[in-house]
């Protein structure tokens, strides 16, 4: 279940998502703390069966909103099997100095990350095969250095703005024919501090993984292409450690 919010004054607010337990008692499913002007968060782990949800907001003085209620059916999703992922070397893809398979090996320590070559330019992109057609709901990216080189976080080749494209019949010439844009993505640094100044919150966010959602109407796809638009260090190469995708295999 995904909550979108606007908080125009950047107030410190607490958003509570409520539901009911097996006895019908109202319980708190999750609490989200924020001062962002806008954003979204998701609460997971519910069965794909209709159930009651409530949403309320309070501020730092404990003023509380009314509770909005709705009966919703949570979306079904499962973690895609990374053992089915495969390389997809297309002519226009940026070459890597390390194998792209490092993105789905579930290892985040050096040197198990993917890096495009210096001089790849902006924009540049790389593509791969999920091994199965799936209606994607979200993915999680682990940045290089999240667990062992914290000084590299939010700097150099760390992705900042990029797009995710999908296809079921990518053109073998590496062109954009047959590709559809699925998502615009931006890496947000919690502290907002400058490059090289990473707080505990910044590091914790990187270690938890940055999560990005796909639109509900996104078409099922088998092949993915990530188009890099800007890195934190405005470099002409990029790096990342791990990608994990969730959705509904078809």
Protein backbone atom coordinates (compact mmCIF):
# COMPACT_ATOMS: atom_id res chain seq x y z
CA UNK A 1 0.00 0.00 0.00
CA UNK A 2 1.56 3.30 -1.11
CA UNK A 3 0.88 6.71 0.45
CA UNK A 4 1.60 9.93 -1.46
CA UNK A 5 1.72 13.18 0.50
CA UNK A 6 2.24 16.94 0.18
CA UNK A 7 3.66 18.96 3.05
CA UNK A 8 4.03 22.43 1.55
CA UNK A 9 5.39 24.10 4.71
CA UNK A 10 7.97 21.34 5.33
CA UNK A 11 6.54 20.80 8.80
CA UNK A 12 7.76 17.96 10.99
CA UNK A 13 4.86 15.54 10.71
CA UNK A 14 4.09 11.93 11.53
CA UNK A 15 1.93 9.91 9.14
CA UNK A 16 0.32 6.79 10.63
CA UNK A 17 -1.09 4.00 8.50
CA UNK A 18 -3.70 2.00 10.39
CA UNK A 19 -5.36 -1.34 9.71
CA UNK A 20 -7.27 -4.00 11.64
CA UNK A 21 -5.99 -7.22 13.18
CA UNK A 22 -7.74 -10.60 13.04
CA UNK A 23 -10.11 -9.56 15.85
CA UNK A 24 -11.12 -6.30 14.16
CA UNK A 25 -9.04 -4.17 16.52
CA UNK A 26 -7.51 -1.06 14.90
CA UNK A 27 -3.71 -1.22 15.01
CA UNK A 28 -0.84 0.86 13.63
CA UNK A 29 0.68 -0.85 10.60
CA UNK A 30 3.50 1.67 10.14
CA UNK A 31 4.61 5.20 11.07
CA UNK A 32 6.41 7.57 8.71
CA UNK A 33 8.29 10.63 9.97
CA UNK A 34 9.03 13.41 7.49
CA UNK A 35 9.63 17.11 6.89
CA UNK A 36 9.83 16.75 3.10
CA UNK A 37 7.58 18.98 0.98
CA UNK A 38 6.27 15.93 -0.86
CA UNK A 39 6.98 12.25 -1.18
CA UNK A 40 5.65 8.76 -0.80
CA UNK A 41 6.18 5.66 1.26
CA UNK A 42 4.94 2.10 1.03
CA UNK A 43 3.88 -0.43 3.64
CA UNK A 44 4.29 -4.05 2.64
CA UNK A 45 3.58 -7.56 3.85
CA UNK A 46 -0.22 -7.66 3.45
CA UNK A 47 -2.05 -10.42 1.62
CA UNK A 48 -3.66 -9.44 -1.68
CA UNK A 49 -7.11 -9.45 -0.06
CA UNK A 50 -9.41 -6.50 0.58
CA UNK A 51 -8.94 -4.99 4.03
CA UNK A 52 -9.60 -1.78 5.99
CA UNK A 53 -6.96 0.95 6.12
CA UNK A 54 -6.86 4.29 7.89
CA UNK A 55 -4.52 7.26 7.55
CA UNK A 56 -3.95 10.12 9.98
CA UNK A 57 -1.35 12.84 10.52
CA UNK A 58 -0.06 14.58 13.63
CA UNK A 59 2.43 17.40 14.13
CA UNK A 60 5.06 17.99 16.81
CA UNK A 61 2.48 19.63 19.10
CA UNK A 62 0.36 16.48 18.89
CA UNK A 63 -2.36 18.12 16.79
CA UNK A 64 -4.07 15.35 14.84
CA UNK A 65 -6.00 15.21 11.62
CA UNK A 66 -9.19 13.28 11.05
CA UNK A 67 -8.63 9.69 9.97
CA UNK A 68 -9.23 8.93 6.32
CA UNK A 69 -10.47 5.38 5.81
CA UNK A 70 -10.67 3.14 2.77
CA UNK A 71 -11.05 -0.53 1.91
CA UNK A 72 -8.22 -1.50 -0.41
CA UNK A 73 -6.77 -4.65 -1.92
CA UNK A 74 -2.98 -4.59 -1.58
CA UNK A 75 -0.99 -5.44 -4.70
CA UNK A 76 0.62 -8.84 -4.91
CA UNK A 77 4.36 -8.86 -5.50
CA UNK A 78 7.29 -11.18 -5.10
CA UNK A 79 11.04 -10.76 -5.29
CA UNK A 80 12.24 -11.70 -8.77
CA UNK A 81 14.67 -14.62 -8.90
CA UNK A 82 18.08 -13.13 -9.60
CA UNK A 83 19.45 -16.49 -10.76
CA UNK A 84 17.39 -15.97 -13.92
CA UNK A 85 18.93 -12.56 -14.74
CA UNK A 86 21.20 -12.51 -17.78
CA UNK A 87 23.50 -10.11 -19.55
CA UNK A 88 22.24 -8.31 -22.66
CA UNK A 89 25.11 -6.76 -24.59
CA UNK A 90 23.66 -4.29 -27.09
CA UNK A 91 25.90 -2.22 -29.42
CA UNK A 92 25.09 1.18 -27.89
CA UNK A 93 25.37 0.10 -24.24
CA UNK A 94 28.21 1.64 -22.22
CA UNK A 95 30.88 -1.00 -21.55
CA UNK A 96 31.77 -1.84 -17.98
CA UNK A 97 35.12 -2.07 -16.24
CA UNK A 98 33.56 -4.70 -13.98
CA UNK A 99 30.96 -7.33 -14.97
CA UNK A 100 27.31 -6.28 -15.01
CA UNK A 101 26.46 -9.58 -13.28
CA UNK A 102 27.78 -7.95 -10.07
CA UNK A 103 24.45 -6.07 -9.98
CA UNK A 104 22.53 -9.23 -9.09
CA UNK A 105 24.97 -11.38 -7.11
CA UNK A 106 23.67 -10.25 -3.67
CA UNK A 107 27.20 -9.19 -2.67
CA UNK A 108 27.75 -5.54 -1.77
CA UNK A 109 31.39 -5.55 -0.66
CA UNK A 110 34.28 -4.33 -2.82
CA UNK A 111 34.90 -5.19 -5.64
CA UNK A 112 31.43 -6.63 -6.36
CA UNK A 113 29.90 -3.61 -8.07
CA UNK A 114 29.24 -2.50 -11.65
CA UNK A 115 31.05 0.49 -13.16
CA UNK A 116 30.83 1.93 -16.65
CA UNK A 117 34.05 3.04 -18.27
CA UNK A 118 35.39 6.57 -17.84
CA UNK A 119 34.41 8.61 -20.89
CA UNK A 120 31.02 6.93 -21.37
CA UNK A 121 29.49 10.41 -21.52
CA UNK A 122 26.11 11.67 -20.36
CA UNK A 123 23.65 10.28 -21.02
CA UNK A 124 24.76 6.66 -21.29
CA UNK A 125 22.98 3.40 -20.59
CA UNK A 126 23.24 -0.34 -20.04
CA UNK A 127 20.72 -3.14 -20.54
CA UNK A 128 20.01 -6.59 -19.11
CA UNK A 129 17.55 -9.49 -19.20
CA UNK A 130 15.35 -10.33 -16.19
CA UNK A 131 14.96 -13.86 -17.54
CA UNK A 132 11.19 -13.63 -17.10
CA UNK A 133 8.46 -11.23 -18.16
CA UNK A 134 7.11 -9.42 -15.09
CA UNK A 135 4.84 -6.54 -14.16
CA UNK A 136 7.27 -4.65 -11.97
CA UNK A 137 6.13 -2.87 -8.82
CA UNK A 138 9.43 -1.54 -7.40
CA UNK A 139 13.15 -2.04 -7.15
CA UNK A 140 15.86 -1.39 -4.57
CA UNK A 141 19.31 -0.03 -5.40
CA UNK A 142 22.32 -0.44 -3.13
CA UNK A 143 24.97 2.20 -3.77
CA UNK A 144 28.65 1.38 -4.05
CA UNK A 145 30.34 1.86 -0.68
CA UNK A 146 27.21 1.49 1.43
CA UNK A 147 28.88 -1.02 3.74
CA UNK A 148 32.61 -0.57 3.23
CA UNK A 149 33.48 2.76 1.55
CA UNK A 150 31.11 5.32 3.04
CA UNK A 151 33.20 8.21 1.70
CA UNK A 152 32.11 7.25 -1.85
CA UNK A 153 28.40 7.60 -1.12
CA UNK A 154 26.62 10.50 -2.87
CA UNK A 155 29.78 11.38 -4.81
CA UNK A 156 31.76 10.60 -7.98
CA UNK A 157 29.92 7.97 -10.07
CA UNK A 158 27.05 7.46 -7.64
CA UNK A 159 23.75 7.78 -9.63
CA UNK A 160 21.66 10.88 -8.96
CA UNK A 161 19.16 11.17 -11.87
CA UNK A 162 18.31 8.34 -14.23
CA UNK A 163 15.51 6.62 -16.12
CA UNK A 164 14.41 2.99 -16.30
CA UNK A 165 13.14 1.71 -19.64
CA UNK A 166 11.57 -1.66 -20.45
CA UNK A 167 11.08 -3.78 -23.54
CA UNK A 168 9.92 -7.20 -24.66
CA UNK A 169 11.61 -7.01 -28.06
CA UNK A 170 14.69 -4.80 -27.89
CA UNK A 171 16.21 -3.92 -31.24
CA UNK A 172 19.47 -5.83 -31.76
CA UNK A 173 21.11 -2.65 -33.14
CA UNK A 174 20.95 -1.06 -29.66
CA UNK A 175 18.56 1.72 -30.72
CA UNK A 176 15.61 2.88 -28.62
CA UNK A 177 13.09 1.21 -30.91
CA UNK A 178 10.83 -1.06 -28.85
CA UNK A 179 11.72 0.55 -25.49
CA UNK A 180 9.19 2.27 -23.19
CA UNK A 181 10.12 4.53 -20.28
CA UNK A 182 8.90 3.02 -17.02
CA UNK A 183 10.25 5.39 -14.37
CA UNK A 184 12.14 8.62 -13.66
CA UNK A 185 14.40 8.16 -10.65
CA UNK A 186 16.28 10.49 -8.34
CA UNK A 187 18.61 9.64 -5.48
CA UNK A 188 17.73 11.78 -2.44
CA UNK A 189 20.31 12.39 0.25
CA UNK A 190 18.44 12.57 3.60
CA UNK A 191 20.68 15.21 5.18
CA UNK A 192 20.92 17.41 2.11
CA UNK A 193 24.57 18.05 3.03
CA UNK A 194 27.38 18.56 0.53
CA UNK A 195 29.50 15.94 -1.20
CA UNK A 196 31.82 14.17 1.24
CA UNK A 197 29.70 15.10 4.27
CA UNK A 198 27.65 11.99 5.00
CA UNK A 199 25.62 11.81 8.20
CA UNK A 200 24.52 8.64 9.97
CA UNK A 201 21.11 9.06 8.31
CA UNK A 202 22.73 9.25 4.88
CA UNK A 203 24.70 6.06 5.49
CA UNK A 204 21.70 4.24 7.00
CA UNK A 205 19.60 5.13 3.96
CA UNK A 206 22.27 3.79 1.62
CA UNK A 207 22.57 0.56 3.59
CA UNK A 208 18.80 0.04 3.65
CA UNK A 209 18.75 0.61 -0.10
CA UNK A 210 17.03 3.34 -2.07
CA UNK A 211 13.61 2.20 -3.26
CA UNK A 212 11.89 3.29 -6.46
CA UNK A 213 8.39 2.41 -7.64
CA UNK A 214 6.88 1.72 -11.04
CA UNK A 215 3.50 3.13 -12.15
CA UNK A 216 0.49 0.88 -11.66
CA UNK A 217 -0.18 0.95 -15.40
CA UNK A 218 3.37 0.02 -16.42
CA UNK A 219 3.40 -2.79 -18.96
CA UNK A 220 4.98 -6.18 -18.13
CA UNK A 221 8.53 -6.37 -19.53
CA UNK A 222 11.42 -8.79 -19.70
CA UNK A 223 14.32 -6.52 -20.66
CA UNK A 224 15.46 -3.42 -18.78
CA UNK A 225 17.65 -0.48 -19.74
CA UNK A 226 18.97 2.07 -17.25
CA UNK A 227 19.73 5.46 -18.77
CA UNK A 228 22.07 7.54 -16.62
CA UNK A 229 21.42 11.31 -16.74
CA UNK A 230 23.55 12.62 -13.85
CA UNK A 231 25.80 11.28 -11.13
CA UNK A 232 26.44 12.93 -7.78
CA UNK A 233 29.93 13.89 -8.92
CA UNK A 234 28.79 14.95 -12.42
CA UNK A 235 31.10 12.26 -13.80
CA UNK A 236 30.96 10.68 -17.26
CA UNK A 237 30.79 7.18 -15.73
CA UNK A 238 28.59 5.57 -13.08
CA UNK A 239 28.70 2.81 -10.52
CA UNK A 240 26.25 0.90 -8.34
CA UNK A 241 26.46 -2.22 -6.22
CA UNK A 242 23.18 -4.15 -6.33
CA UNK A 243 19.69 -4.13 -7.88
CA UNK A 244 16.70 -6.09 -6.55
CA UNK A 245 13.37 -6.12 -8.40
CA UNK A 246 9.86 -6.95 -7.19
CA UNK A 247 6.69 -7.58 -9.14
CA UNK A 248 4.33 -10.14 -10.61
CA UNK A 249 5.96 -12.69 -12.96
CA UNK A 250 3.63 -13.35 -15.90
